[in-house]
Amino acid sequence: MVNVPAACRFAAALALAALLGVAGCATRVDPVAMTQGQPPIQIQQRLLLNPANGGRQIGLADLMPGDIILSNTAGWVSAGIRALTMAPVSHAALYLGDDQIAEAVASGVRIRPGAAFMADESTVVAFRHPGLRADHAAALRHFARSQDGKGYNTLGVVLQAPFTLQRRYCEVPLVPGLVRDFCLQGLAAVQLGAARNDRFFCSQFVLEAFRQAQLPLTAADPLLFSPADLLTMREGDVPSVSINQALQYVGHLKLGPGAEGTAIARRESD
């Protein structure tokens, strides 16, 4: 006997996945979920910055060394990156502890105080690797300081634009994760192969720092990742490629304008 409500849910999920195919939004199929009354298809939540629980506001004092910071600004460059990647973030940085934040920007890799970083950003949110230990944090700091002042991977950023557009073909809904991985990494080898690995753009810098600390977030080449890809590594989301560990949401350090900030403020006042 057919379970009509369950069948309807599955059909609706398939229809939604088909619509998302135009945007190239990654999905993950969980057959067990349907038996529990949940949607069988998980959809990448790239457009949403808040986690499912509504989020919370934090301060710099709540951060731990090794926390990953994702952000955006009100500038046109940030807006262009967000439009291209279809995500609410355009920049990635690394908290080193002692109120220091390391980042790769157009002028090169730099380390600066948290207050200076916060002043330049419109929205700032932090994520944490749950398995990060003190020795990992020390290695992250060592790597970041060894790169301080080095040049920016301009070519890598330029090549990211066509790669971001063409990767949608790999992220068609219902494509198995391993097939998506193979497609994305093969495309990256062709599209990004000319980019330098001795200089970094923002998200590449963060991924490489974790790799150097012997705590890689993924086996994929850091050149492949944009801030949007780091965002989808959080718990409960569907990552663009296979990851070694989902990142835990820590909180929002700075709230952008609009309903998102209102939702978090309301949760904090409850």
C-alpha atoms as a PDB file:
ATOM      1  CA  MET A   1       0.000   0.000   0.000  1.00  0.00           C
ATOM      2  CA  VAL A   2       1.390   3.377  -1.044  1.00  0.00           C
ATOM      3  CA  ASN A   3       1.939   5.992   1.639  1.00  0.00           C
ATOM      4  CA  VAL A   4       0.341   8.965  -0.161  1.00  0.00           C
ATOM      5  CA  PRO A   5       1.710  11.758   2.088  1.00  0.00           C
ATOM      6  CA  ALA A   6       5.219  10.302   1.862  1.00  0.00           C
ATOM      7  CA  ALA A   7       4.926   9.928  -1.908  1.00  0.00           C
ATOM      8  CA  CYS A   8       3.744  13.533  -2.203  1.00  0.00           C
ATOM      9  CA  ARG A   9       6.659  14.762  -0.132  1.00  0.00           C
ATOM     10  CA  PHE A  10       9.087  12.845  -2.316  1.00  0.00           C
ATOM     11  CA  ALA A  11       7.494  14.180  -5.530  1.00  0.00           C
ATOM     12  CA  ALA A  12       7.622  17.736  -4.190  1.00  0.00           C
ATOM     13  CA  ALA A  13      11.265  17.316  -3.264  1.00  0.00           C
ATOM     14  CA  LEU A  14      12.064  16.060  -6.758  1.00  0.00           C
ATOM     15  CA  ALA A  15      10.258  19.015  -8.314  1.00  0.00           C
ATOM     16  CA  LEU A  16      12.157  21.456  -6.132  1.00  0.00           C
ATOM     17  CA  ALA A  17      15.444  19.775  -6.986  1.00  0.00           C
ATOM     18  CA  ALA A  18      14.633  20.116 -10.684  1.00  0.00           C
ATOM     19  CA  LEU A  19      14.020  23.850 -10.260  1.00  0.00           C
ATOM     20  CA  LEU A  20      17.295  24.235  -8.412  1.00  0.00           C
ATOM     21  CA  GLY A  21      19.102  22.587 -11.288  1.00  0.00           C
ATOM     22  CA  VAL A  22      19.186  25.922 -13.090  1.00  0.00           C
ATOM     23  CA  ALA A  23      21.151  27.406 -10.205  1.00  0.00           C
ATOM     24  CA  GLY A  24      23.389  24.359  -9.891  1.00  0.00           C
ATOM     25  CA  CYS A  25      22.609  23.842  -6.226  1.00  0.00           C
ATOM     26  CA  ALA A  26      24.174  20.715  -4.724  1.00  0.00           C
ATOM     27  CA  THR A  27      21.885  18.172  -3.085  1.00  0.00           C
ATOM     28  CA  ARG A  28      22.223  15.065  -0.937  1.00  0.00           C
ATOM     29  CA  VAL A  29      19.729  12.192  -0.971  1.00  0.00           C
ATOM     30  CA  ASP A  30      18.835  10.567   2.356  1.00  0.00           C
ATOM     31  CA  PRO A  31      16.376   7.683   1.816  1.00  0.00           C
ATOM     32  CA  VAL A  32      16.082   7.109   5.575  1.00  0.00           C
ATOM     33  CA  ALA A  33      14.749  10.631   6.104  1.00  0.00           C
ATOM     34  CA  MET A  34      11.534   9.906   4.185  1.00  0.00           C
ATOM     35  CA  THR A  35      10.708   7.037   6.532  1.00  0.00           C
ATOM     36  CA  GLN A  36      10.973   9.546   9.393  1.00  0.00           C
ATOM     37  CA  GLY A  37       8.617  12.039   7.786  1.00  0.00           C
ATOM     38  CA  GLN A  38      11.440  14.334   6.631  1.00  0.00           C
ATOM     39  CA  PRO A  39      12.320  15.457   3.087  1.00  0.00           C
ATOM     40  CA  PRO A  40      14.513  12.795   1.441  1.00  0.00           C
ATOM     41  CA  ILE A  41      16.554  15.402  -0.455  1.00  0.00           C
ATOM     42  CA  GLN A  42      18.757  17.849   1.423  1.00  0.00           C
ATOM     43  CA  ILE A  43      19.402  21.054  -0.486  1.00  0.00           C
ATOM     44  CA  GLN A  44      22.473  23.248  -0.180  1.00  0.00           C
ATOM     45  CA  GLN A  45      21.633  26.321   1.896  1.00  0.00           C
ATOM     46  CA  ARG A  46      24.169  28.618   0.240  1.00  0.00           C
ATOM     47  CA  LEU A  47      21.791  31.615   0.252  1.00  0.00           C
ATOM     48  CA  LEU A  48      21.161  31.427   3.996  1.00  0.00           C
ATOM     49  CA  LEU A  49      23.734  32.746   6.438  1.00  0.00           C
ATOM     50  CA  ASN A  50      21.816  31.805   9.588  1.00  0.00           C
ATOM     51  CA  PRO A  51      21.792  28.218  10.829  1.00  0.00           C
ATOM     52  CA  ALA A  52      18.483  26.453  11.344  1.00  0.00           C
ATOM     53  CA  ASN A  53      18.351  27.405  15.029  1.00  0.00           C
ATOM     54  CA  GLY A  54      18.132  31.116  14.268  1.00  0.00           C
ATOM     55  CA  GLY A  55      21.645  32.109  15.244  1.00  0.00           C
ATOM     56  CA  ARG A  56      23.166  34.164  18.042  1.00  0.00           C
ATOM     57  CA  GLN A  57      25.251  37.280  18.390  1.00  0.00           C
ATOM     58  CA  ILE A  58      28.755  37.055  19.873  1.00  0.00           C
ATOM     59  CA  GLY A  59      31.815  39.251  20.391  1.00  0.00           C
ATOM     60  CA  LEU A  60      35.506  38.883  19.577  1.00  0.00           C
ATOM     61  CA  ALA A  61      36.081  37.575  23.109  1.00  0.00           C
ATOM     62  CA  ASP A  62      33.985  34.500  22.215  1.00  0.00           C
ATOM     63  CA  LEU A  63      36.360  33.431  19.440  1.00  0.00           C
ATOM     64  CA  MET A  64      39.017  30.740  19.769  1.00  0.00           C
ATOM     65  CA  PRO A  65      42.291  30.475  17.816  1.00  0.00           C
ATOM     66  CA  GLY A  66      41.617  28.740  14.532  1.00  0.00           C
ATOM     67  CA  ASP A  67      38.034  29.989  14.112  1.00  0.00           C
ATOM     68  CA  ILE A  68      37.069  30.684  10.506  1.00  0.00           C
ATOM     69  CA  ILE A  69      35.501  34.066   9.833  1.00  0.00           C
ATOM     70  CA  LEU A  70      33.245  34.682   6.833  1.00  0.00           C
ATOM     71  CA  SER A  71      32.068  38.173   5.983  1.00  0.00           C
ATOM     72  CA  ASN A  72      30.887  40.676   3.413  1.00  0.00           C
ATOM     73  CA  THR A  73      31.072  44.432   2.890  1.00  0.00           C
ATOM     74  CA  ALA A  74      28.831  47.042   1.309  1.00  0.00           C
ATOM     75  CA  GLY A  75      31.284  47.598  -1.582  1.00  0.00           C
ATOM     76  CA  TRP A  76      30.741  46.724  -5.229  1.00  0.00           C
ATOM     77  CA  VAL A  77      33.519  44.091  -5.254  1.00  0.00           C
ATOM     78  CA  SER A  78      31.833  42.197  -2.421  1.00  0.00           C
ATOM     79  CA  ALA A  79      28.467  42.542  -4.149  1.00  0.00           C
ATOM     80  CA  GLY A  80      29.930  41.134  -7.369  1.00  0.00           C
ATOM     81  CA  ILE A  81      31.435  38.126  -5.603  1.00  0.00           C
ATOM     82  CA  ARG A  82      28.178  37.431  -3.792  1.00  0.00           C
ATOM     83  CA  ALA A  83      26.210  37.665  -7.039  1.00  0.00           C
ATOM     84  CA  LEU A  84      28.630  35.354  -8.861  1.00  0.00           C
ATOM     85  CA  THR A  85      28.707  32.716  -6.125  1.00  0.00           C
ATOM     86  CA  MET A  86      25.060  33.176  -5.107  1.00  0.00           C
ATOM     87  CA  ALA A  87      26.035  33.431  -1.446  1.00  0.00           C
ATOM     88  CA  PRO A  88      25.801  36.057   1.332  1.00  0.00           C
ATOM     89  CA  VAL A  89      29.567  36.037   2.010  1.00  0.00           C
ATOM     90  CA  SER A  90      32.464  37.309  -0.083  1.00  0.00           C
ATOM     91  CA  HIS A  91      35.515  37.048   2.184  1.00  0.00           C
ATOM     92  CA  ALA A  92      37.184  34.513   4.482  1.00  0.00           C
ATOM     93  CA  ALA A  93      39.718  35.070   7.267  1.00  0.00           C
ATOM     94  CA  LEU A  94      41.308  33.224  10.170  1.00  0.00           C
ATOM     95  CA  TYR A  95      41.305  34.171  13.846  1.00  0.00           C
ATOM     96  CA  LEU A  96      44.750  33.608  15.355  1.00  0.00           C
ATOM     97  CA  GLY A  97      44.001  34.510  18.965  1.00  0.00           C
ATOM     98  CA  ASP A  98      45.217  37.554  20.923  1.00  0.00           C
ATOM     99  CA  ASP A  99      42.797  39.740  18.924  1.00  0.00           C
ATOM    100  CA  GLN A 100      44.604  39.047  15.639  1.00  0.00           C
ATOM    101  CA  ILE A 101      42.963  38.153  12.344  1.00  0.00           C
ATOM    102  CA  ALA A 102      44.880  36.882   9.305  1.00  0.00           C
ATOM    103  CA  GLU A 103      43.523  37.351   5.804  1.00  0.00           C
ATOM    104  CA  ALA A 104      44.578  37.434   2.167  1.00  0.00           C
ATOM    105  CA  VAL A 105      43.478  40.639   0.442  1.00  0.00           C
ATOM    106  CA  ALA A 106      44.429  42.409  -2.796  1.00  0.00           C
ATOM    107  CA  SER A 107      47.526  43.917  -1.196  1.00  0.00           C
ATOM    108  CA  GLY A 108      48.669  40.500   0.059  1.00  0.00           C
ATOM    109  CA  VAL A 109      48.463  38.473   3.259  1.00  0.00           C
ATOM    110  CA  ARG A 110      48.148  40.599   6.381  1.00  0.00           C
ATOM    111  CA  ILE A 111      47.537  40.218  10.106  1.00  0.00           C
ATOM    112  CA  ARG A 112      45.625  42.956  11.892  1.00  0.00           C
ATOM    113  CA  PRO A 113      43.600  43.635  15.054  1.00  0.00           C
ATOM    114  CA  GLY A 114      40.057  42.312  15.249  1.00  0.00           C
ATOM    115  CA  ALA A 115      38.592  45.802  15.695  1.00  0.00           C
ATOM    116  CA  ALA A 116      40.158  46.992  12.442  1.00  0.00           C
ATOM    117  CA  PHE A 117      38.766  43.975  10.592  1.00  0.00           C
ATOM    118  CA  MET A 118      35.301  44.463  12.075  1.00  0.00           C
ATOM    119  CA  ALA A 119      35.227  48.131  11.110  1.00  0.00           C
ATOM    120  CA  ASP A 120      35.608  47.245   7.418  1.00  0.00           C
ATOM    121  CA  GLU A 121      32.956  44.509   7.263  1.00  0.00           C
ATOM    122  CA  SER A 122      29.149  44.719   7.137  1.00  0.00           C
ATOM    123  CA  THR A 123      28.333  41.174   8.229  1.00  0.00           C
ATOM    124  CA  VAL A 124      30.715  38.864  10.109  1.00  0.00           C
ATOM    125  CA  VAL A 125      30.033  35.261  11.134  1.00  0.00           C
ATOM    126  CA  ALA A 126      32.342  32.683  12.756  1.00  0.00           C
ATOM    127  CA  PHE A 127      32.629  28.896  12.404  1.00  0.00           C
ATOM    128  CA  ARG A 128      34.792  26.389  14.279  1.00  0.00           C
ATOM    129  CA  HIS A 129      36.416  23.038  13.566  1.00  0.00           C
ATOM    130  CA  PRO A 130      35.337  20.872  16.549  1.00  0.00           C
ATOM    131  CA  GLY A 131      38.524  18.795  16.439  1.00  0.00           C
ATOM    132  CA  LEU A 132      40.992  21.682  16.539  1.00  0.00           C
ATOM    133  CA  ARG A 133      43.562  21.322  19.327  1.00  0.00           C
ATOM    134  CA  ALA A 134      46.144  23.691  20.773  1.00  0.00           C
ATOM    135  CA  ASP A 135      48.883  22.252  18.551  1.00  0.00           C
ATOM    136  CA  HIS A 136      46.718  22.791  15.472  1.00  0.00           C
ATOM    137  CA  ALA A 137      46.104  26.404  16.515  1.00  0.00           C
ATOM    138  CA  ALA A 138      49.841  26.942  17.006  1.00  0.00           C
ATOM    139  CA  ALA A 139      50.539  25.539  13.526  1.00  0.00           C
ATOM    140  CA  LEU A 140      47.848  27.767  12.016  1.00  0.00           C
ATOM    141  CA  ARG A 141      49.438  30.822  13.631  1.00  0.00           C
ATOM    142  CA  HIS A 142      52.904  29.784  12.451  1.00  0.00           C
ATOM    143  CA  PHE A 143      51.709  29.383   8.865  1.00  0.00           C
ATOM    144  CA  ALA A 144      49.796  32.689   8.872  1.00  0.00           C
ATOM    145  CA  ARG A 145      52.780  34.614  10.232  1.00  0.00           C
ATOM    146  CA  SER A 146      55.117  32.975   7.719  1.00  0.00           C
ATOM    147  CA  GLN A 147      52.870  34.300   4.921  1.00  0.00           C
ATOM    148  CA  ASP A 148      52.416  37.811   6.353  1.00  0.00           C
ATOM    149  CA  GLY A 149      53.278  40.373   3.672  1.00  0.00           C
ATOM    150  CA  LYS A 150      53.411  37.904   0.777  1.00  0.00           C
ATOM    151  CA  GLY A 151      51.620  38.633  -2.486  1.00  0.00           C
ATOM    152  CA  TYR A 152      48.022  37.936  -3.468  1.00  0.00           C
ATOM    153  CA  ASN A 153      46.945  35.178  -5.876  1.00  0.00           C
ATOM    154  CA  THR A 154      45.424  37.572  -8.404  1.00  0.00           C
ATOM    155  CA  LEU A 155      45.409  35.034 -11.232  1.00  0.00           C
ATOM    156  CA  GLY A 156      43.605  32.532  -9.026  1.00  0.00           C
ATOM    157  CA  VAL A 157      40.826  35.035  -8.371  1.00  0.00           C
ATOM    158  CA  VAL A 158      40.548  35.940 -12.064  1.00  0.00           C
ATOM    159  CA  LEU A 159      40.232  32.257 -12.985  1.00  0.00           C
ATOM    160  CA  GLN A 160      37.599  31.743 -10.294  1.00  0.00           C
ATOM    161  CA  ALA A 161      34.991  33.664 -12.308  1.00  0.00           C
ATOM    162  CA  PRO A 162      34.700  31.282 -15.303  1.00  0.00           C
ATOM    163  CA  PHE A 163      35.182  28.297 -13.002  1.00  0.00           C
ATOM    164  CA  THR A 164      32.289  29.458 -10.777  1.00  0.00           C
ATOM    165  CA  LEU A 165      29.996  29.665 -13.786  1.00  0.00           C
ATOM    166  CA  GLN A 166      30.979  26.349 -15.346  1.00  0.00           C
ATOM    167  CA  ARG A 167      30.931  24.384 -12.093  1.00  0.00           C
ATOM    168  CA  ARG A 168      27.107  24.586 -12.101  1.00  0.00           C
ATOM    169  CA  TYR A 169      27.118  21.690 -14.558  1.00  0.00           C
ATOM    170  CA  CYS A 170      28.743  19.544 -11.854  1.00  0.00           C
ATOM    171  CA  GLU A 171      26.225  20.560  -9.197  1.00  0.00           C
ATOM    172  CA  VAL A 172      23.046  19.413 -10.903  1.00  0.00           C
ATOM    173  CA  PRO A 173      20.635  18.134  -8.221  1.00  0.00           C
ATOM    174  CA  LEU A 174      20.568  14.386  -7.507  1.00  0.00           C
ATOM    175  CA  VAL A 175      24.114  13.887  -8.802  1.00  0.00           C
ATOM    176  CA  PRO A 176      25.900  11.605  -6.267  1.00  0.00           C
ATOM    177  CA  GLY A 177      28.492  13.333  -4.126  1.00  0.00           C
ATOM    178  CA  LEU A 178      31.415  11.285  -5.463  1.00  0.00           C
ATOM    179  CA  VAL A 179      30.447  12.103  -9.040  1.00  0.00           C
ATOM    180  CA  ARG A 180      30.165  15.791  -8.136  1.00  0.00           C
ATOM    181  CA  ASP A 181      33.597  15.657  -6.497  1.00  0.00           C
ATOM    182  CA  PHE A 182      35.168  14.071  -9.562  1.00  0.00           C
ATOM    183  CA  CYS A 183      33.521  16.575 -11.890  1.00  0.00           C
ATOM    184  CA  LEU A 184      34.481  19.634  -9.826  1.00  0.00           C
ATOM    185  CA  GLN A 185      38.068  18.581  -9.266  1.00  0.00           C
ATOM    186  CA  GLY A 186      38.509  17.663 -12.916  1.00  0.00           C
ATOM    187  CA  LEU A 187      37.081  21.000 -14.001  1.00  0.00           C
ATOM    188  CA  ALA A 188      39.278  22.803 -11.471  1.00  0.00           C
ATOM    189  CA  ALA A 189      42.380  21.080 -12.847  1.00  0.00           C
ATOM    190  CA  VAL A 190      41.558  22.475 -16.285  1.00  0.00           C
ATOM    191  CA  GLN A 191      40.248  25.907 -15.329  1.00  0.00           C
ATOM    192  CA  LEU A 192      42.502  26.706 -12.364  1.00  0.00           C
ATOM    193  CA  GLY A 193      45.645  24.809 -13.324  1.00  0.00           C
ATOM    194  CA  ALA A 194      47.506  27.987 -14.283  1.00  0.00           C
ATOM    195  CA  ALA A 195      46.943  29.637 -10.892  1.00  0.00           C
ATOM    196  CA  ARG A 196      49.775  29.878  -8.383  1.00  0.00           C
ATOM    197  CA  ASN A 197      49.897  27.777  -5.232  1.00  0.00           C
ATOM    198  CA  ASP A 198      52.565  29.865  -3.520  1.00  0.00           C
ATOM    199  CA  ARG A 199      50.274  32.887  -3.221  1.00  0.00           C
ATOM    200  CA  PHE A 200      46.755  32.917  -1.846  1.00  0.00           C
ATOM    201  CA  PHE A 201      43.348  34.504  -2.168  1.00  0.00           C
ATOM    202  CA  CYS A 202      41.172  34.626   0.951  1.00  0.00           C
ATOM    203  CA  SER A 203      39.447  31.219   1.049  1.00  0.00           C
ATOM    204  CA  GLN A 204      42.466  29.447  -0.455  1.00  0.00           C
ATOM    205  CA  PHE A 205      44.560  30.916   2.378  1.00  0.00           C
ATOM    206  CA  VAL A 206      42.199  29.532   5.047  1.00  0.00           C
ATOM    207  CA  LEU A 207      42.093  26.040   3.479  1.00  0.00           C
ATOM    208  CA  GLU A 208      45.860  25.953   3.069  1.00  0.00           C
ATOM    209  CA  ALA A 209      46.383  27.026   6.693  1.00  0.00           C
ATOM    210  CA  PHE A 210      44.359  24.046   7.913  1.00  0.00           C
ATOM    211  CA  ARG A 211      46.209  21.744   5.529  1.00  0.00           C
ATOM    212  CA  GLN A 212      49.560  22.977   6.812  1.00  0.00           C
ATOM    213  CA  ALA A 213      48.341  22.401  10.380  1.00  0.00           C
ATOM    214  CA  GLN A 214      47.690  18.710   9.557  1.00  0.00           C
ATOM    215  CA  LEU A 215      43.946  19.261   9.950  1.00  0.00           C
ATOM    216  CA  PRO A 216      42.711  19.512   6.343  1.00  0.00           C
ATOM    217  CA  LEU A 217      39.071  20.418   5.906  1.00  0.00           C
ATOM    218  CA  THR A 218      38.955  18.510   2.619  1.00  0.00           C
ATOM    219  CA  ALA A 219      41.214  16.538   0.301  1.00  0.00           C
ATOM    220  CA  ALA A 220      40.359  18.869  -2.589  1.00  0.00           C
ATOM    221  CA  ASP A 221      42.737  21.566  -3.829  1.00  0.00           C
ATOM    222  CA  PRO A 222      42.259  24.844  -1.884  1.00  0.00           C
ATOM    223  CA  LEU A 223      42.246  26.650  -5.238  1.00  0.00           C
ATOM    224  CA  LEU A 224      38.765  25.241  -5.835  1.00  0.00           C
ATOM    225  CA  PHE A 225      37.140  27.019  -2.882  1.00  0.00           C
ATOM    226  CA  SER A 226      35.396  30.353  -2.582  1.00  0.00           C
ATOM    227  CA  PRO A 227      34.009  31.806   0.681  1.00  0.00           C
ATOM    228  CA  ALA A 228      30.647  30.386  -0.427  1.00  0.00           C
ATOM    229  CA  ASP A 229      32.135  26.876  -0.383  1.00  0.00           C
ATOM    230  CA  LEU A 230      33.444  27.388   3.152  1.00  0.00           C
ATOM    231  CA  LEU A 231      29.934  28.438   4.184  1.00  0.00           C
ATOM    232  CA  THR A 232      28.460  25.151   2.937  1.00  0.00           C
ATOM    233  CA  MET A 233      30.939  23.201   5.081  1.00  0.00           C
ATOM    234  CA  ARG A 234      28.867  24.044   8.178  1.00  0.00           C
ATOM    235  CA  GLU A 235      26.837  21.435  10.020  1.00  0.00           C
ATOM    236  CA  GLY A 236      23.454  20.708   8.454  1.00  0.00           C
ATOM    237  CA  ASP A 237      24.409  21.983   4.999  1.00  0.00           C
ATOM    238  CA  VAL A 238      25.393  20.162   1.811  1.00  0.00           C
ATOM    239  CA  PRO A 239      29.067  20.841   1.018  1.00  0.00           C
ATOM    240  CA  SER A 240      30.144  21.394  -2.568  1.00  0.00           C
ATOM    241  CA  VAL A 241      32.789  18.658  -2.273  1.00  0.00           C
ATOM    242  CA  SER A 242      33.442  15.929   0.267  1.00  0.00           C
ATOM    243  CA  ILE A 243      34.777  17.299   3.544  1.00  0.00           C
ATOM    244  CA  ASN A 244      36.593  15.696   6.454  1.00  0.00           C
ATOM    245  CA  GLN A 245      34.655  17.499   9.183  1.00  0.00           C
ATOM    246  CA  ALA A 246      31.620  19.781   9.246  1.00  0.00           C
ATOM    247  CA  LEU A 247      32.207  23.190  10.813  1.00  0.00           C
ATOM    248  CA  GLN A 248      30.263  24.295  13.872  1.00  0.00           C
ATOM    249  CA  TYR A 249      28.482  27.631  13.858  1.00  0.00           C
ATOM    250  CA  VAL A 250      29.887  29.905  16.597  1.00  0.00           C
ATOM    251  CA  GLY A 251      27.823  33.044  16.049  1.00  0.00           C
ATOM    252  CA  HIS A 252      27.520  36.391  14.327  1.00  0.00           C
ATOM    253  CA  LEU A 253      30.050  39.023  15.354  1.00  0.00           C
ATOM    254  CA  LYS A 254      28.400  41.694  13.255  1.00  0.00           C
ATOM    255  CA  LEU A 255      24.921  41.769  11.775  1.00  0.00           C
ATOM    256  CA  GLY A 256      24.141  43.126   8.364  1.00  0.00           C
ATOM    257  CA  PRO A 257      21.006  45.156   7.667  1.00  0.00           C
ATOM    258  CA  GLY A 258      17.682  43.430   7.112  1.00  0.00           C
ATOM    259  CA  ALA A 259      15.633  40.599   8.523  1.00  0.00           C
ATOM    260  CA  GLU A 260      18.622  38.403   9.317  1.00  0.00           C
ATOM    261  CA  GLY A 261      19.854  40.752  12.038  1.00  0.00           C
ATOM    262  CA  THR A 262      16.332  41.160  13.395  1.00  0.00           C
ATOM    263  CA  ALA A 263      15.904  37.389  13.725  1.00  0.00           C
ATOM    264  CA  ILE A 264      19.104  37.013  15.716  1.00  0.00           C
ATOM    265  CA  ALA A 265      18.381  39.999  17.945  1.00  0.00           C
ATOM    266  CA  ARG A 266      14.964  38.581  18.729  1.00  0.00           C
ATOM    267  CA  ARG A 267      16.439  35.159  19.599  1.00  0.00           C
ATOM    268  CA  GLU A 268      18.956  36.790  21.960  1.00  0.00           C
ATOM    269  CA  SER A 269      16.184  38.696  23.755  1.00  0.00           C
ATOM    270  CA  ASP A 270      13.961  35.625  24.299  1.00  0.00           C
END
